[in-house]
Amino acid sequence: MVRKMSVILIILLVLAFILGQARVYRKNWNRNLKISVGFSVGMTGAGDDFEIIEKAENDKWLPVPSLMIKYSTDRNLVVPNLLTDEKENMVTDKFYYSDAIPVLSHKKSIKKLVCHSKKRGVFTVERIFLAARDLCYTEEYHTSISENASILIYPSYLNFGDSEYPFNHMMGDILTRLRFIEDPFEFRGLRDYLPQDPTNRINWKASAKSDDYIVNEFNQTVLKTVRIYVNLTQNSGHFEDALIEEELRLLVSIASDLLNRGFSVSFNSNAISVFGDKNINVEVGSGKAHMEQIHEASAVVDASARVQDFSKTDFFEDFKDNNDFVILIGFEQSEDLQNGIRERIRNGLGIFWILPINGYVKCEAGKDLTGIIYEWGKNV
C-alpha cells in the first residue's frame, strides 16, 4: 500500500511539474528573449558569398530548449543546407527559411549561414516568426516580431578575363575612340573643309577671305570623362528582361574598367528604383567610392517598372550636346533616339552605342549609325 501511494505521489508530482512548468513557460517564454536576423554586409555582387546572421539572446533564468525561427526573403537568395517550407515556397515569390536555435538561460547564440544571390536586387527580412516549446515539450508557443534587415545585390560583372571574350574587343574599341577625340580648347590651326566636317567647325571669318570653306583644327587628346547612359525603354515587353539585366551588367563592368584606367565616369538612366525614384543617376566622379555609388544605383533598379521614353527625359538634351564622350547602353531604337545620336555626330561629339540583342531583339538602326554601334548579344 505504501509503495502504491509512493507511485501515485510521484505521478502527481511529475504531473504537477509538467503543468507548472507549462504555465510558467506560457507566461514567460519570450520575456527578455531578443531575436534578430541580419546580413554580414550591406551590399555585394550577384553570385558572391555573404552571410545571414541569426542572433538569439535569452536574458532570463528560464531556458528555451527548443526555439524555431522562420523568416522570408527573395527566392533568388540561396542558402544551402537550411530548412525550407516547401508548401509556401511553391505558391509565393518569397522563400521561407526555418532554423532551430536553442538558447539556455542568460546565454547568447549566434549562427552564421553562408549564402549567395542568383540575381541582383534589394533583399529584405521584415518579419521573424518564432515557435518554442517548454522543457517537457508539452506545449508550443508562437509569436512574431518585426525586423528591418536589408542587403543590396548589384549585377554580376561580365567575365572579361578571357582574351576571346567580346568585352575585350568592345573595350578596345571604346578606348581607341577616346584617344582620338579632338579637344576644342586646343586650337592647332586651319585647313580646307572636308565633307565629313561638322558645320560648327567652320571658321566663317577665315572662309570669308577665301573662295572655299575653312575649318578650325584642334589637337587630339584623351578625354578623361565618360558619361554612361542606360536606356531601359522597352520595345514590346516580350523576352526583354534578360536584355535589361545584361544592360546593367554592362554598366558596372564598363564603369569599373574605365575607373580603373583613371577615367571619371557618370551614370544616367531613365530607370525607376524599387523605392519609386525616377531617372536614377550618379554624377561624375572617380575612385572606388564612386564605383560603390554605381553599384548601389544598379542594385535598386526596378526592371519591371514602366519607364519614361529615353528621348523624353530631362537629361536627353544633355545627352545630345555635352562635350564628354558618351556611351549609350540600350536596345530601344526609336527615331527620336537615333536623331539625337545623329545630332551628336554632326556636332563632332563622341558617342559609342552598345546595343544588346537576342533572338527577338535585333539591330534595326539606320545604316548611317553602323560605325558607332556595337551589337552585344552572344552571351545574353
Protein backbone atom coordinates (compact mmCIF):
# COMPACT_ATOMS: atom_id res chain seq x y z
CA MET A 1 0.00 0.00 0.00
CA VAL A 2 2.83 2.35 0.87
CA ARG A 3 4.55 1.56 -2.44
CA LYS A 4 1.33 2.21 -4.33
CA MET A 5 0.90 5.54 -2.58
CA SER A 6 4.50 6.44 -3.38
CA VAL A 7 3.95 5.73 -7.09
CA ILE A 8 0.79 7.83 -7.09
CA LEU A 9 2.62 10.62 -5.30
CA ILE A 10 5.45 10.52 -7.83
CA ILE A 11 2.94 10.60 -10.68
CA LEU A 12 1.17 13.55 -9.10
CA LEU A 13 4.45 15.38 -8.57
CA VAL A 14 5.51 14.77 -12.16
CA LEU A 15 2.13 15.89 -13.40
CA ALA A 16 2.29 18.97 -11.20
CA PHE A 17 5.76 19.74 -12.51
CA ILE A 18 4.64 19.35 -16.13
CA LEU A 19 1.59 21.55 -15.61
CA GLY A 20 3.54 24.05 -13.52
CA GLN A 21 6.40 24.48 -15.95
CA ALA A 22 3.91 24.73 -18.82
CA ARG A 23 2.18 27.56 -17.03
CA VAL A 24 5.46 29.32 -16.33
CA TYR A 25 6.56 28.98 -19.95
CA ARG A 26 3.20 30.12 -21.25
CA LYS A 27 3.65 33.45 -19.49
CA ASN A 28 7.40 33.92 -19.69
CA TRP A 29 8.95 32.02 -22.62
CA ASN A 30 9.52 35.14 -24.77
CA ARG A 31 10.23 37.59 -21.94
CA ASN A 32 13.70 39.16 -22.40
CA LEU A 33 14.16 36.99 -25.49
CA LYS A 34 15.84 39.01 -28.24
CA ILE A 35 15.93 37.60 -31.77
CA SER A 36 17.39 39.25 -34.85
CA VAL A 37 18.25 38.29 -38.43
CA GLY A 38 20.67 40.37 -40.46
CA PHE A 39 23.28 40.30 -43.19
CA SER A 40 27.07 40.38 -42.85
CA VAL A 41 27.39 43.17 -45.46
CA GLY A 42 25.21 45.97 -46.72
CA MET A 43 25.98 45.39 -50.38
CA THR A 44 27.65 42.76 -52.55
CA GLY A 45 27.55 41.39 -56.09
CA ALA A 46 25.27 38.72 -57.51
CA GLY A 47 26.90 35.32 -57.06
CA ASP A 48 29.24 36.50 -54.28
CA ASP A 49 29.10 34.75 -50.91
CA PHE A 50 27.91 36.58 -47.80
CA GLU A 51 26.32 35.56 -44.52
CA ILE A 52 22.90 35.65 -42.93
CA ILE A 53 23.46 36.19 -39.21
CA GLU A 54 20.88 34.83 -36.78
CA LYS A 55 21.19 36.09 -33.20
CA ALA A 56 19.29 34.92 -30.12
CA GLU A 57 19.76 36.27 -26.61
CA ASN A 58 17.86 34.85 -23.63
CA ASP A 59 18.32 37.30 -20.75
CA LYS A 60 16.40 35.38 -18.04
CA TRP A 61 16.81 32.29 -15.91
CA LEU A 62 14.23 30.29 -17.90
CA PRO A 63 15.93 28.35 -20.74
CA VAL A 64 14.28 27.92 -24.15
CA PRO A 65 15.32 24.39 -25.10
CA SER A 66 13.52 24.40 -28.44
CA LEU A 67 13.29 27.60 -30.48
CA MET A 68 12.44 27.58 -34.17
CA ILE A 69 12.72 30.83 -36.12
CA LYS A 70 11.16 31.35 -39.52
CA TYR A 71 11.57 34.27 -41.90
CA SER A 72 11.27 35.05 -45.58
CA THR A 73 13.27 36.89 -48.22
CA ASP A 74 13.54 36.92 -52.00
CA ARG A 75 13.55 33.45 -53.54
CA ASN A 76 16.73 34.29 -55.52
CA LEU A 77 18.68 34.13 -52.25
CA VAL A 78 20.30 30.70 -51.99
CA VAL A 79 21.08 29.31 -48.52
CA PRO A 80 22.45 25.76 -48.76
CA ASN A 81 21.62 23.24 -46.01
CA LEU A 82 18.83 25.30 -44.47
CA LEU A 83 15.31 24.02 -43.86
CA THR A 84 12.69 25.48 -46.20
CA ASP A 85 8.93 25.44 -46.21
CA GLU A 86 8.23 23.67 -49.50
CA LYS A 87 4.46 24.29 -49.47
CA GLU A 88 4.76 28.05 -49.05
CA ASN A 89 7.68 28.28 -51.45
CA MET A 90 5.56 26.75 -54.20
CA VAL A 91 2.88 29.46 -54.05
CA THR A 92 4.78 32.68 -53.43
CA ASP A 93 7.65 34.72 -54.84
CA LYS A 94 9.18 34.72 -51.36
CA PHE A 95 11.41 32.00 -49.98
CA TYR A 96 10.76 30.85 -46.42
CA TYR A 97 13.57 29.64 -44.17
CA SER A 98 13.35 27.79 -40.88
CA ASP A 99 16.17 27.26 -38.41
CA ALA A 100 16.48 25.89 -34.86
CA ILE A 101 18.33 28.00 -32.26
CA PRO A 102 18.01 26.64 -28.69
CA VAL A 103 19.14 29.15 -26.04
CA LEU A 104 19.91 28.41 -22.40
CA SER A 105 19.31 30.82 -19.53
CA HIS A 106 21.34 34.06 -19.72
CA LYS A 107 23.06 32.92 -22.92
CA LYS A 108 23.58 34.27 -26.43
CA SER A 109 23.55 32.24 -29.59
CA ILE A 110 24.87 33.41 -32.97
CA LYS A 111 24.51 31.38 -36.13
CA LYS A 112 26.05 32.35 -39.47
CA LEU A 113 24.75 30.92 -42.72
CA VAL A 114 26.81 31.29 -45.90
CA CYS A 115 24.64 32.19 -48.87
CA HIS A 116 24.63 33.96 -52.22
CA SER A 117 22.14 35.55 -54.59
CA LYS A 118 21.35 34.35 -58.08
CA LYS A 119 20.21 37.82 -59.18
CA ARG A 120 20.68 41.49 -58.32
CA GLY A 121 18.11 43.43 -56.33
CA VAL A 122 17.17 44.59 -52.85
CA PHE A 123 16.58 41.71 -50.43
CA THR A 124 14.92 42.25 -47.07
CA VAL A 125 13.86 40.41 -43.94
CA GLU A 126 10.87 42.23 -42.49
CA ARG A 127 9.37 39.77 -40.03
CA ILE A 128 10.53 36.83 -37.93
CA PHE A 129 8.14 34.13 -36.74
CA LEU A 130 9.03 32.26 -33.55
CA ALA A 131 7.91 28.85 -32.29
CA ALA A 132 9.12 27.50 -28.94
CA ARG A 133 8.44 24.55 -26.64
CA ASP A 134 8.67 24.15 -22.90
CA LEU A 135 11.03 21.83 -21.03
CA CYS A 136 8.71 18.84 -21.38
CA TYR A 137 7.68 19.61 -24.97
CA THR A 138 4.03 19.56 -23.93
CA GLU A 139 3.03 22.89 -25.48
CA GLU A 140 4.17 25.04 -28.41
CA TYR A 141 4.16 28.84 -28.26
CA HIS A 142 4.09 31.25 -31.21
CA THR A 143 4.73 34.92 -31.83
CA SER A 144 6.25 37.19 -34.47
CA ILE A 145 8.49 40.22 -34.33
CA SER A 146 9.34 42.91 -36.88
CA GLU A 147 12.79 43.09 -38.46
CA ASN A 148 14.46 45.68 -40.68
CA ALA A 149 17.35 43.87 -42.37
CA SER A 150 18.27 44.53 -46.00
CA ILE A 151 21.07 43.92 -48.46
CA LEU A 152 21.73 45.39 -51.91
CA ILE A 153 22.87 42.98 -54.61
CA TYR A 154 24.43 44.70 -57.63
CA PRO A 155 24.78 43.00 -61.05
CA SER A 156 27.50 40.42 -61.53
CA TYR A 157 30.48 41.53 -63.60
CA LEU A 158 30.98 40.26 -67.11
CA ASN A 159 33.79 37.75 -67.28
CA PHE A 160 36.29 39.76 -69.30
CA GLY A 161 39.34 37.82 -68.17
CA ASP A 162 39.11 35.61 -71.25
CA SER A 163 41.04 37.20 -74.14
CA GLU A 164 38.47 35.86 -76.61
CA TYR A 165 35.54 37.35 -74.74
CA PRO A 166 33.74 40.09 -76.71
CA PHE A 167 34.09 42.52 -73.80
CA ASN A 168 37.81 42.96 -74.51
CA HIS A 169 37.16 43.79 -78.15
CA MET A 170 34.41 46.22 -77.22
CA MET A 171 36.52 47.99 -74.57
CA GLY A 172 39.39 48.22 -77.05
CA ASP A 173 37.07 49.95 -79.49
CA ILE A 174 35.85 52.37 -76.81
CA LEU A 175 39.37 53.22 -75.67
CA THR A 176 40.52 53.75 -79.28
CA ARG A 177 37.70 56.23 -79.84
CA LEU A 178 38.52 58.02 -76.60
CA ARG A 179 42.11 58.53 -77.69
CA PHE A 180 41.10 60.20 -80.94
CA ILE A 181 38.78 62.91 -79.70
CA GLU A 182 39.71 66.48 -80.57
CA ASP A 183 39.99 68.93 -77.69
CA PRO A 184 38.00 72.12 -78.60
CA PHE A 185 40.26 74.15 -76.29
CA GLU A 186 43.50 73.05 -78.00
CA PHE A 187 43.46 75.04 -81.27
CA ARG A 188 46.04 73.79 -83.77
CA GLY A 189 45.34 75.71 -86.97
CA LEU A 190 43.19 75.98 -90.10
CA ARG A 191 42.61 73.65 -93.04
CA ASP A 192 40.28 73.23 -96.03
CA TYR A 193 36.76 71.98 -95.41
CA LEU A 194 36.03 68.27 -95.91
CA PRO A 195 32.54 66.76 -96.47
CA GLN A 196 32.62 64.92 -93.13
CA ASP A 197 33.41 68.06 -91.12
CA PRO A 198 30.58 69.34 -88.88
CA THR A 199 29.35 72.83 -89.66
CA ASN A 200 30.27 74.12 -86.20
CA ARG A 201 33.96 73.70 -87.15
CA ILE A 202 33.75 76.22 -90.00
CA ASN A 203 35.76 79.37 -89.38
CA TRP A 204 33.46 81.90 -91.02
CA LYS A 205 35.90 84.80 -90.74
CA ALA A 206 38.66 82.84 -92.49
CA SER A 207 36.21 81.43 -95.04
CA ALA A 208 35.09 84.96 -95.98
CA LYS A 209 38.64 85.73 -97.09
CA SER A 210 38.84 82.54 -99.17
CA ASP A 211 36.99 81.04 -102.10
CA ASP A 212 36.11 77.96 -100.07
CA TYR A 213 35.15 76.96 -96.56
CA ILE A 214 37.93 76.88 -93.96
CA VAL A 215 37.61 74.87 -90.74
CA ASN A 216 39.34 75.02 -87.39
CA GLU A 217 41.61 72.12 -86.50
CA PHE A 218 42.32 71.06 -82.93
CA ASN A 219 44.88 68.94 -81.18
CA GLN A 220 43.82 65.41 -80.30
CA THR A 221 43.62 64.45 -76.68
CA VAL A 222 42.35 61.67 -74.45
CA LEU A 223 39.08 62.66 -72.85
CA LYS A 224 39.10 61.80 -69.16
CA THR A 225 35.35 61.92 -68.53
CA VAL A 226 32.90 59.34 -69.86
CA ARG A 227 29.15 59.62 -69.45
CA ILE A 228 27.30 56.30 -69.46
CA TYR A 229 23.61 56.40 -70.32
CA VAL A 230 21.50 53.28 -69.75
CA ASN A 231 18.23 53.25 -71.67
CA LEU A 232 15.66 50.85 -70.19
CA THR A 233 12.87 51.74 -72.62
CA GLN A 234 11.39 48.51 -73.95
CA ASN A 235 10.19 47.79 -77.46
CA SER A 236 7.48 45.18 -76.98
CA GLY A 237 7.90 43.95 -73.44
CA HIS A 238 8.42 40.36 -74.58
CA PHE A 239 11.64 38.44 -73.95
CA GLU A 240 13.43 41.61 -72.87
CA ASP A 241 14.00 41.03 -69.14
CA ALA A 242 17.31 39.30 -69.81
CA LEU A 243 18.42 42.21 -72.00
CA ILE A 244 17.66 44.72 -69.25
CA GLU A 245 19.73 42.71 -66.76
CA GLU A 246 22.52 42.49 -69.34
CA GLU A 247 22.45 46.28 -69.74
CA LEU A 248 23.07 46.66 -66.01
CA ARG A 249 25.88 44.08 -66.10
CA LEU A 250 27.45 46.04 -68.95
CA LEU A 251 27.10 49.24 -66.90
CA VAL A 252 29.02 48.01 -63.86
CA SER A 253 31.63 46.18 -65.95
CA ILE A 254 32.39 49.14 -68.22
CA ALA A 255 32.29 51.70 -65.41
CA SER A 256 34.69 49.63 -63.30
CA ASP A 257 37.09 49.14 -66.20
CA LEU A 258 37.13 52.87 -67.04
CA LEU A 259 37.55 53.93 -63.40
CA ASN A 260 40.48 51.52 -63.03
CA ARG A 261 42.07 53.21 -66.06
CA GLY A 262 41.82 56.64 -64.43
CA PHE A 263 38.73 57.97 -66.17
CA SER A 264 35.96 59.89 -64.44
CA VAL A 265 32.54 58.35 -65.02
CA SER A 266 28.89 59.36 -64.64
CA PHE A 267 25.74 57.27 -64.95
CA ASN A 268 22.32 58.43 -66.12
CA SER A 269 19.25 56.34 -66.82
CA ASN A 270 15.51 56.54 -67.27
CA ALA A 271 15.27 53.64 -64.81
CA ILE A 272 12.95 53.72 -61.80
CA SER A 273 14.17 52.42 -58.44
CA VAL A 274 12.31 49.88 -56.30
CA PHE A 275 11.70 52.82 -53.94
CA GLY A 276 9.93 54.80 -56.68
CA ASP A 277 12.72 57.24 -57.55
CA LYS A 278 12.72 58.20 -61.25
CA ASN A 279 15.67 58.76 -63.58
CA ILE A 280 18.41 57.20 -61.50
CA ASN A 281 21.75 58.98 -61.90
CA VAL A 282 25.22 59.18 -60.40
CA GLU A 283 27.17 62.38 -61.00
CA VAL A 284 30.70 62.45 -62.45
CA GLY A 285 33.29 61.01 -60.11
CA SER A 286 36.22 58.64 -59.81
CA GLY A 287 37.75 56.08 -57.47
CA LYS A 288 36.44 53.09 -55.51
CA ALA A 289 33.89 55.10 -53.53
CA HIS A 290 32.35 56.33 -56.78
CA MET A 291 32.09 52.75 -58.06
CA GLU A 292 30.18 51.86 -54.90
CA GLN A 293 27.63 54.57 -55.79
CA ILE A 294 27.20 52.99 -59.24
CA HIS A 295 26.86 49.55 -57.61
CA GLU A 296 24.12 50.89 -55.34
CA ALA A 297 22.28 52.63 -58.19
CA SER A 298 22.32 49.49 -60.35
CA ALA A 299 21.14 47.29 -57.47
CA VAL A 300 17.94 49.26 -56.83
CA VAL A 301 16.73 49.41 -60.46
CA ASP A 302 13.20 48.06 -60.84
CA ALA A 303 13.39 46.19 -64.14
CA SER A 304 9.64 45.58 -64.18
CA ALA A 305 8.68 49.27 -63.93
CA ARG A 306 7.39 51.13 -66.96
CA VAL A 307 9.90 53.92 -67.64
CA GLN A 308 9.70 57.24 -69.43
CA ASP A 309 10.88 57.20 -73.04
CA PHE A 310 14.59 58.00 -73.11
CA SER A 311 14.11 60.79 -75.67
CA LYS A 312 11.58 62.50 -73.36
CA THR A 313 13.73 62.58 -70.20
CA ASP A 314 15.08 65.77 -68.68
CA PHE A 315 18.65 64.74 -69.46
CA PHE A 316 18.11 63.96 -73.18
CA GLU A 317 19.27 67.45 -74.22
CA ASP A 318 22.43 66.96 -72.18
CA PHE A 319 22.83 63.57 -73.84
CA LYS A 320 22.78 65.25 -77.26
CA ASP A 321 25.17 68.14 -76.64
CA ASN A 322 27.54 67.53 -73.69
CA ASN A 323 31.21 67.66 -74.67
CA ASP A 324 32.23 64.47 -72.86
CA PHE A 325 32.45 61.08 -74.53
CA VAL A 326 29.12 59.23 -74.28
CA ILE A 327 28.46 55.51 -74.03
CA LEU A 328 24.82 54.58 -74.61
CA ILE A 329 23.64 51.14 -73.47
CA GLY A 330 20.18 50.13 -74.64
CA PHE A 331 18.17 48.16 -77.18
CA GLU A 332 15.39 50.70 -77.84
CA GLN A 333 15.84 52.16 -81.33
CA SER A 334 13.20 54.87 -81.78
CA GLU A 335 13.61 57.51 -84.46
CA ASP A 336 13.81 60.27 -81.82
CA LEU A 337 16.70 58.49 -80.14
CA GLN A 338 18.53 57.94 -83.42
CA ASN A 339 18.08 61.57 -84.38
CA GLY A 340 19.57 62.62 -81.05
CA ILE A 341 22.60 60.44 -81.77
CA ARG A 342 22.90 61.92 -85.27
CA GLU A 343 22.90 65.40 -83.73
CA ARG A 344 25.86 64.46 -81.53
CA ILE A 345 27.73 63.11 -84.54
CA ARG A 346 27.00 66.24 -86.62
CA ASN A 347 28.43 68.35 -83.80
CA GLY A 348 31.58 66.26 -83.72
CA LEU A 349 30.84 64.82 -80.25
CA GLY A 350 31.99 61.31 -79.38
CA ILE A 351 29.48 58.51 -78.83
CA PHE A 352 29.51 54.72 -78.74
CA TRP A 353 26.23 52.78 -78.73
CA ILE A 354 26.18 49.30 -77.18
CA LEU A 355 23.03 47.61 -78.45
CA PRO A 356 22.15 44.35 -76.64
CA ILE A 357 20.37 41.88 -78.93
CA ASN A 358 18.91 38.39 -78.74
CA GLY A 359 16.76 36.13 -80.89
CA TYR A 360 13.82 38.54 -80.59
CA VAL A 361 15.50 41.95 -80.48
CA LYS A 362 17.76 42.81 -83.40
CA CYS A 363 19.61 45.90 -84.60
CA GLU A 364 17.27 47.96 -86.80
CA ALA A 365 19.05 51.32 -86.52
CA GLY A 366 19.87 53.40 -89.59
CA LYS A 367 22.85 52.28 -91.63
CA ASP A 368 24.42 55.71 -91.14
CA LEU A 369 24.89 54.81 -87.45
CA THR A 370 26.60 51.47 -88.07
CA GLY A 371 30.02 52.90 -87.32
CA ILE A 372 29.16 53.78 -83.71
CA ILE A 373 27.08 50.69 -82.84
CA TYR A 374 28.39 47.58 -81.12
CA GLU A 375 25.88 44.72 -81.14
CA TRP A 376 26.16 42.83 -77.87
CA GLY A 377 24.34 39.54 -77.91
CA LYS A 378 26.47 36.43 -77.92
CA ASN A 379 26.12 35.94 -74.18
CA VAL A 380 22.61 37.25 -73.50
